[in-house]
Amino acid sequence: MTIEKIAYKGWKNCCRIANDDVELVVTLDVGPRVIRFGFVGERNEFKEYDAQLGKSGGKSGASTAATGSGTRPKPRRARTTRTTRRSRSNNVAA
């Protein structure tokens, strides 16, 4: 396994961690954030948005250039079960 400091697609301060099969690139300029994962010499498994590569934030969501769409799904509210009151006749001893 090798660990080295590199520049990657406009980000100057990145760390590359690799073995003979796969590599991981993490930018230290934004985050830190994983911006590349893939087999050595193959395509990035993350989507890369060309207009955002090498940028570090702002309204355009540039910090997510290689990690996704820049939006997260809204969390789902937990469903609660409705409790019903028992009628008084069920609680009264006969």
C-alpha atoms as a PDB file:
ATOM      1  CA  MET A   1       0.000   0.000   0.000  1.00  0.00           C
ATOM      2  CA  THR A   2       1.230   3.482  -0.853  1.00  0.00           C
ATOM      3  CA  ILE A   3       0.209   6.844   0.538  1.00  0.00           C
ATOM      4  CA  GLU A   4       1.298  10.008  -1.229  1.00  0.00           C
ATOM      5  CA  LYS A   5       0.405  13.662  -1.489  1.00  0.00           C
ATOM      6  CA  ILE A   6      -0.758  14.625  -5.008  1.00  0.00           C
ATOM      7  CA  ALA A   7      -2.706  17.218  -6.978  1.00  0.00           C
ATOM      8  CA  TYR A   8      -5.898  15.921  -8.571  1.00  0.00           C
ATOM      9  CA  LYS A   9      -7.966  17.711 -11.240  1.00  0.00           C
ATOM     10  CA  GLY A  10      -7.501  21.192  -9.829  1.00  0.00           C
ATOM     11  CA  TRP A  11      -7.306  20.352  -6.139  1.00  0.00           C
ATOM     12  CA  LYS A  12      -3.697  20.893  -5.090  1.00  0.00           C
ATOM     13  CA  ASN A  13      -3.767  19.333  -1.647  1.00  0.00           C
ATOM     14  CA  CYS A  14      -4.869  15.691  -2.003  1.00  0.00           C
ATOM     15  CA  CYS A  15      -3.850  12.374  -0.534  1.00  0.00           C
ATOM     16  CA  ARG A  16      -3.758   9.219  -2.681  1.00  0.00           C
ATOM     17  CA  ILE A  17      -3.991   5.857  -0.959  1.00  0.00           C
ATOM     18  CA  ALA A  18      -3.498   2.881  -3.258  1.00  0.00           C
ATOM     19  CA  ASN A  19      -2.553  -0.746  -3.496  1.00  0.00           C
ATOM     20  CA  ASP A  20      -1.978  -2.857  -6.605  1.00  0.00           C
ATOM     21  CA  ASP A  21      -5.711  -2.974  -7.385  1.00  0.00           C
ATOM     22  CA  VAL A  22      -7.585   0.128  -6.188  1.00  0.00           C
ATOM     23  CA  GLU A  23      -6.924   3.757  -5.342  1.00  0.00           C
ATOM     24  CA  LEU A  24      -8.625   6.349  -3.196  1.00  0.00           C
ATOM     25  CA  VAL A  25      -8.050  10.104  -3.505  1.00  0.00           C
ATOM     26  CA  VAL A  26      -9.086  12.443  -0.706  1.00  0.00           C
ATOM     27  CA  THR A  27      -8.967  16.203  -1.061  1.00  0.00           C
ATOM     28  CA  LEU A  28      -7.820  18.070   2.011  1.00  0.00           C
ATOM     29  CA  ASP A  29      -8.879  21.414   0.488  1.00  0.00           C
ATOM     30  CA  VAL A  30     -12.587  20.579   0.803  1.00  0.00           C
ATOM     31  CA  GLY A  31     -13.586  18.511   3.760  1.00  0.00           C
ATOM     32  CA  PRO A  32     -11.544  16.190   3.804  1.00  0.00           C
ATOM     33  CA  ARG A  33     -13.648  14.500   1.172  1.00  0.00           C
ATOM     34  CA  VAL A  34     -13.233  11.364  -0.941  1.00  0.00           C
ATOM     35  CA  ILE A  35     -13.178  12.540  -4.565  1.00  0.00           C
ATOM     36  CA  ARG A  36     -11.990   9.387  -6.315  1.00  0.00           C
ATOM     37  CA  PHE A  37     -12.311   5.673  -5.831  1.00  0.00           C
ATOM     38  CA  GLY A  38     -11.631   3.141  -8.523  1.00  0.00           C
ATOM     39  CA  PHE A  39      -9.374   0.487  -9.917  1.00  0.00           C
ATOM     40  CA  VAL A  40      -5.902   1.775 -10.745  1.00  0.00           C
ATOM     41  CA  GLY A  41      -5.920   3.154 -14.288  1.00  0.00           C
ATOM     42  CA  GLU A  42      -9.720   2.801 -14.599  1.00  0.00           C
ATOM     43  CA  ARG A  43     -12.605   5.276 -14.318  1.00  0.00           C
ATOM     44  CA  ASN A  44     -13.661   6.993 -11.117  1.00  0.00           C
ATOM     45  CA  GLU A  45     -16.622   5.249  -9.489  1.00  0.00           C
ATOM     46  CA  PHE A  46     -17.868   8.678  -8.346  1.00  0.00           C
ATOM     47  CA  LYS A  47     -19.504  11.051 -10.810  1.00  0.00           C
ATOM     48  CA  GLU A  48     -17.234  13.996 -11.659  1.00  0.00           C
ATOM     49  CA  TYR A  49     -18.837  17.293 -12.666  1.00  0.00           C
ATOM     50  CA  ASP A  50     -16.357  19.030 -14.981  1.00  0.00           C
ATOM     51  CA  ALA A  51     -17.631  22.537 -14.152  1.00  0.00           C
ATOM     52  CA  GLN A  52     -16.944  21.960 -10.452  1.00  0.00           C
ATOM     53  CA  LEU A  53     -13.593  20.170 -10.487  1.00  0.00           C
ATOM     54  CA  GLY A  54     -10.930  21.958  -8.469  1.00  0.00           C
ATOM     55  CA  LYS A  55     -13.357  24.319  -6.752  1.00  0.00           C
ATOM     56  CA  SER A  56     -13.899  24.567  -3.046  1.00  0.00           C
ATOM     57  CA  GLY A  57     -17.468  25.594  -2.363  1.00  0.00           C
ATOM     58  CA  GLY A  58     -19.941  28.347  -2.934  1.00  0.00           C
ATOM     59  CA  LYS A  59     -23.563  28.349  -4.002  1.00  0.00           C
ATOM     60  CA  SER A  60     -22.925  25.998  -6.922  1.00  0.00           C
ATOM     61  CA  GLY A  61     -22.153  23.072  -4.631  1.00  0.00           C
ATOM     62  CA  ALA A  62     -18.658  22.772  -6.053  1.00  0.00           C
ATOM     63  CA  SER A  63     -17.460  20.952  -2.981  1.00  0.00           C
ATOM     64  CA  THR A  64     -19.424  17.937  -4.173  1.00  0.00           C
ATOM     65  CA  ALA A  65     -17.900  17.858  -7.655  1.00  0.00           C
ATOM     66  CA  ALA A  66     -16.851  14.238  -7.431  1.00  0.00           C
ATOM     67  CA  THR A  67     -19.121  12.844  -4.761  1.00  0.00           C
ATOM     68  CA  GLY A  68     -22.693  13.321  -5.878  1.00  0.00           C
ATOM     69  CA  SER A  69     -25.336  15.760  -6.946  1.00  0.00           C
ATOM     70  CA  GLY A  70     -24.811  18.201  -4.096  1.00  0.00           C
ATOM     71  CA  THR A  71     -28.188  17.482  -2.562  1.00  0.00           C
ATOM     72  CA  ARG A  72     -29.155  14.985   0.033  1.00  0.00           C
ATOM     73  CA  PRO A  73     -32.507  13.272   0.212  1.00  0.00           C
ATOM     74  CA  LYS A  74     -34.806  14.584   2.916  1.00  0.00           C
ATOM     75  CA  PRO A  75     -34.926  12.257   5.894  1.00  0.00           C
ATOM     76  CA  ARG A  76     -38.153  10.350   6.245  1.00  0.00           C
ATOM     77  CA  ARG A  77     -40.211  11.010   9.319  1.00  0.00           C
ATOM     78  CA  ALA A  78     -40.648   8.057  11.579  1.00  0.00           C
ATOM     79  CA  ARG A  79     -44.132   6.634  11.470  1.00  0.00           C
ATOM     80  CA  THR A  80     -45.840   6.599  14.778  1.00  0.00           C
ATOM     81  CA  THR A  81     -48.602   4.245  15.663  1.00  0.00           C
ATOM     82  CA  ARG A  82     -51.783   5.856  16.846  1.00  0.00           C
ATOM     83  CA  THR A  83     -52.839   4.714  20.242  1.00  0.00           C
ATOM     84  CA  THR A  84     -56.536   4.525  20.895  1.00  0.00           C
ATOM     85  CA  ARG A  85     -58.193   5.063  24.198  1.00  0.00           C
ATOM     86  CA  ARG A  86     -60.177   2.241  25.572  1.00  0.00           C
ATOM     87  CA  SER A  87     -63.754   3.004  26.293  1.00  0.00           C
ATOM     88  CA  ARG A  88     -64.648   3.452  29.948  1.00  0.00           C
ATOM     89  CA  SER A  89     -66.764   0.364  29.898  1.00  0.00           C
ATOM     90  CA  ASN A  90     -63.671  -1.777  29.224  1.00  0.00           C
ATOM     91  CA  ASN A  91     -61.789  -0.349  32.218  1.00  0.00           C
ATOM     92  CA  VAL A  92     -64.612  -0.576  34.797  1.00  0.00           C
ATOM     93  CA  ALA A  93     -64.777  -3.695  36.922  1.00  0.00           C
ATOM     94  CA  ALA A  94     -68.201  -5.319  36.928  1.00  0.00           C
END
